[in-house]
C-alpha atoms as a PDB file:
ATOM      1  CA  MET A   1      91.984-209.889  -7.684  1.00  0.00           C
ATOM      2  CA  GLN A   2      88.924-212.047  -8.276  1.00  0.00           C
ATOM      3  CA  GLY A   3      90.312-214.728  -5.960  1.00  0.00           C
ATOM      4  CA  TYR A   4      90.784-212.108  -3.244  1.00  0.00           C
ATOM      5  CA  ASN A   5      87.134-210.981  -3.523  1.00  0.00           C
ATOM      6  CA  ARG A   6      85.919-214.573  -3.400  1.00  0.00           C
ATOM      7  CA  SER A   7      88.113-215.210  -0.372  1.00  0.00           C
ATOM      8  CA  MET A   8      86.790-212.134   1.433  1.00  0.00           C
ATOM      9  CA  MET A   9      83.187-213.066   0.616  1.00  0.00           C
ATOM     10  CA  MET A  10      83.709-216.612   1.883  1.00  0.00           C
ATOM     11  CA  ARG A  11      85.359-215.305   5.034  1.00  0.00           C
ATOM     12  CA  SER A  12      82.461-212.898   5.663  1.00  0.00           C
ATOM     13  CA  PHE A  13      79.976-215.712   5.182  1.00  0.00           C
ATOM     14  CA  LEU A  14      81.869-217.987   7.575  1.00  0.00           C
ATOM     15  CA  MET A  15      82.087-215.229  10.184  1.00  0.00           C
ATOM     16  CA  ALA A  16      78.353-214.562   9.964  1.00  0.00           C
ATOM     17  CA  ALA A  17      77.567-218.271  10.271  1.00  0.00           C
ATOM     18  CA  LEU A  18      79.880-218.595  13.253  1.00  0.00           C
ATOM     19  CA  VAL A  19      78.346-215.583  15.011  1.00  0.00           C
ATOM     20  CA  VAL A  20      74.826-216.979  14.502  1.00  0.00           C
ATOM     21  CA  ALA A  21      75.891-220.402  15.771  1.00  0.00           C
ATOM     22  CA  LEU A  22      77.631-218.986  18.825  1.00  0.00           C
ATOM     23  CA  SER A  23      74.759-216.623  19.590  1.00  0.00           C
ATOM     24  CA  SER A  24      72.265-219.474  19.431  1.00  0.00           C
ATOM     25  CA  ALA A  25      74.413-221.637  21.684  1.00  0.00           C
ATOM     26  CA  ALA A  26      74.894-218.797  24.154  1.00  0.00           C
ATOM     27  CA  MET A  27      71.169-218.078  24.296  1.00  0.00           C
ATOM     28  CA  ALA A  28      70.427-221.749  24.905  1.00  0.00           C
ATOM     29  CA  GLN A  29      72.896-221.905  27.792  1.00  0.00           C
ATOM     30  CA  GLY A  30      71.792-218.660  29.395  1.00  0.00           C
ATOM     31  CA  SER A  31      73.980-215.730  30.331  1.00  0.00           C
ATOM     32  CA  PRO A  32      77.407-216.462  31.764  1.00  0.00           C
ATOM     33  CA  VAL A  33      78.355-214.934  35.082  1.00  0.00           C
ATOM     34  CA  ILE A  34      80.467-211.902  34.267  1.00  0.00           C
ATOM     35  CA  ASP A  35      82.775-211.733  37.255  1.00  0.00           C
ATOM     36  CA  LYS A  36      86.512-211.399  37.858  1.00  0.00           C
ATOM     37  CA  GLY A  37      87.039-214.982  36.673  1.00  0.00           C
ATOM     38  CA  TYR A  38      85.316-214.179  33.384  1.00  0.00           C
ATOM     39  CA  GLU A  39      87.481-211.067  32.990  1.00  0.00           C
ATOM     40  CA  ALA A  40      90.633-213.092  33.658  1.00  0.00           C
ATOM     41  CA  ALA A  41      89.620-215.778  31.159  1.00  0.00           C
ATOM     42  CA  LYS A  42      88.956-213.191  28.453  1.00  0.00           C
ATOM     43  CA  ALA A  43      92.234-211.397  29.213  1.00  0.00           C
ATOM     44  CA  SER A  44      94.030-214.720  28.841  1.00  0.00           C
ATOM     45  CA  GLU A  45      92.204-215.450  25.596  1.00  0.00           C
ATOM     46  CA  LEU A  46      93.151-212.011  24.270  1.00  0.00           C
ATOM     47  CA  GLU A  47      96.811-212.568  25.146  1.00  0.00           C
ATOM     48  CA  ALA A  48      96.782-215.931  23.368  1.00  0.00           C
ATOM     49  CA  VAL A  49      95.408-214.356  20.196  1.00  0.00           C
ATOM     50  CA  LYS A  50      97.958-211.521  20.466  1.00  0.00           C
ATOM     51  CA  LEU A  51     100.706-214.100  20.628  1.00  0.00           C
ATOM     52  CA  GLN A  52      99.313-215.889  17.595  1.00  0.00           C
ATOM     53  CA  LEU A  53      99.118-212.609  15.650  1.00  0.00           C
ATOM     54  CA  SER A  54     102.598-211.489  16.665  1.00  0.00           C
ATOM     55  CA  THR A  55     104.206-213.679  14.031  1.00  0.00           C
ATOM     56  CA  ARG A  56     101.695-213.102  11.250  1.00  0.00           C
ATOM     57  CA  GLN A  57      99.523-210.037  11.238  1.00  0.00           C
ATOM     58  CA  GLY A  58      96.556-209.681   8.942  1.00  0.00           C
ATOM     59  CA  PRO A  59      95.370-206.396   7.466  1.00  0.00           C
ATOM     60  CA  THR A  60      92.759-205.608  10.129  1.00  0.00           C
ATOM     61  CA  ALA A  61      94.481-207.141  13.146  1.00  0.00           C
ATOM     62  CA  ILE A  62      95.560-203.818  14.707  1.00  0.00           C
ATOM     63  CA  ALA A  63      92.024-202.412  14.661  1.00  0.00           C
ATOM     64  CA  GLU A  64      90.580-205.625  16.094  1.00  0.00           C
ATOM     65  CA  LEU A  65      93.231-205.746  18.831  1.00  0.00           C
ATOM     66  CA  THR A  66      92.486-202.150  19.776  1.00  0.00           C
ATOM     67  CA  GLU A  67      88.762-202.855  19.947  1.00  0.00           C
ATOM     68  CA  ALA A  68      89.236-205.970  22.088  1.00  0.00           C
ATOM     69  CA  ASP A  69      91.634-204.185  24.450  1.00  0.00           C
ATOM     70  CA  SER A  70      89.207-201.297  24.798  1.00  0.00           C
ATOM     71  CA  ALA A  71      86.254-203.604  25.484  1.00  0.00           C
ATOM     72  CA  LEU A  72      88.206-205.515  28.132  1.00  0.00           C
ATOM     73  CA  ARG A  73      89.258-202.271  29.832  1.00  0.00           C
ATOM     74  CA  ARG A  74      85.657-200.975  29.802  1.00  0.00           C
ATOM     75  CA  LEU A  75      84.410-204.307  31.187  1.00  0.00           C
ATOM     76  CA  ARG A  76      86.802-204.062  34.110  1.00  0.00           C
ATOM     77  CA  GLU A  77      85.613-200.513  34.848  1.00  0.00           C
ATOM     78  CA  ALA A  78      81.859-201.121  34.392  1.00  0.00           C
ATOM     79  CA  LYS A  79      79.669-201.416  37.472  1.00  0.00           C
ATOM     80  CA  GLY A  80      76.108-202.218  36.387  1.00  0.00           C
ATOM     81  CA  THR A  81      75.055-205.731  35.409  1.00  0.00           C
ATOM     82  CA  GLU A  82      73.415-204.684  32.138  1.00  0.00           C
ATOM     83  CA  ALA A  83      76.397-202.523  31.170  1.00  0.00           C
ATOM     84  CA  ARG A  84      78.763-205.414  31.919  1.00  0.00           C
ATOM     85  CA  ARG A  85      76.642-207.814  29.820  1.00  0.00           C
ATOM     86  CA  SER A  86      76.620-205.406  26.907  1.00  0.00           C
ATOM     87  CA  ILE A  87      80.376-204.843  27.071  1.00  0.00           C
ATOM     88  CA  ALA A  88      80.996-208.580  27.487  1.00  0.00           C
ATOM     89  CA  SER A  89      79.046-209.144  24.280  1.00  0.00           C
ATOM     90  CA  GLU A  90      81.214-206.566  22.488  1.00  0.00           C
ATOM     91  CA  LEU A  91      84.322-208.265  23.863  1.00  0.00           C
ATOM     92  CA  GLU A  92      83.151-211.682  22.683  1.00  0.00           C
ATOM     93  CA  SER A  93      82.550-210.310  19.188  1.00  0.00           C
ATOM     94  CA  ALA A  94      85.950-208.609  19.085  1.00  0.00           C
ATOM     95  CA  LEU A  95      87.688-211.802  20.233  1.00  0.00           C
ATOM     96  CA  LEU A  96      85.812-213.829  17.634  1.00  0.00           C
ATOM     97  CA  ARG A  97      86.908-211.456  14.875  1.00  0.00           C
ATOM     98  CA  LEU A  98      90.485-211.599  16.193  1.00  0.00           C
ATOM     99  CA  ARG A  99      90.500-215.397  16.136  1.00  0.00           C
ATOM    100  CA  LEU A 100      89.147-215.348  12.581  1.00  0.00           C
ATOM    101  CA  GLU A 101      91.829-212.848  11.614  1.00  0.00           C
ATOM    102  CA  ALA A 102      94.534-214.981  13.197  1.00  0.00           C
ATOM    103  CA  ASP A 103      93.214-218.132  11.527  1.00  0.00           C
ATOM    104  CA  GLY A 104      92.978-216.319   8.187  1.00  0.00           C
ATOM    105  CA  SER A 105      96.568-215.127   8.527  1.00  0.00           C
ATOM    106  CA  ALA A 106      97.700-218.661   9.273  1.00  0.00           C
ATOM    107  CA  VAL A 107      95.961-219.928   6.133  1.00  0.00           C
ATOM    108  CA  GLN A 108      97.574-217.159   4.058  1.00  0.00           C
ATOM    109  CA  ASP A 109     101.007-218.110   5.409  1.00  0.00           C
ATOM    110  CA  ARG A 110     100.559-221.703   4.272  1.00  0.00           C
ATOM    111  CA  LYS A 111      99.905-220.715   0.650  1.00  0.00           C
END
């Protein structure tokens, strides 16, 4: 049980560090254009993570998938620039958590 807690703490730390690093990089580059091409790229990214999770699902994968799907759907329906930026940020976060979940599941499978 102690190993599980240490693993979860390490994973949380790595996720926080990754979010900070990505946020800093994104701020330095400026805001991406959130158009149909962006939507298509994120839909493709989501499908790739779904495929990766289809063979090995972690404990929170379903919730993360639902959140990412919902964010992508809301992004496609949103009209205003600020609303689209906000939803795109939510989508990025959900995809990041999904990738971490998929990578964590892959590590668990190797043990």
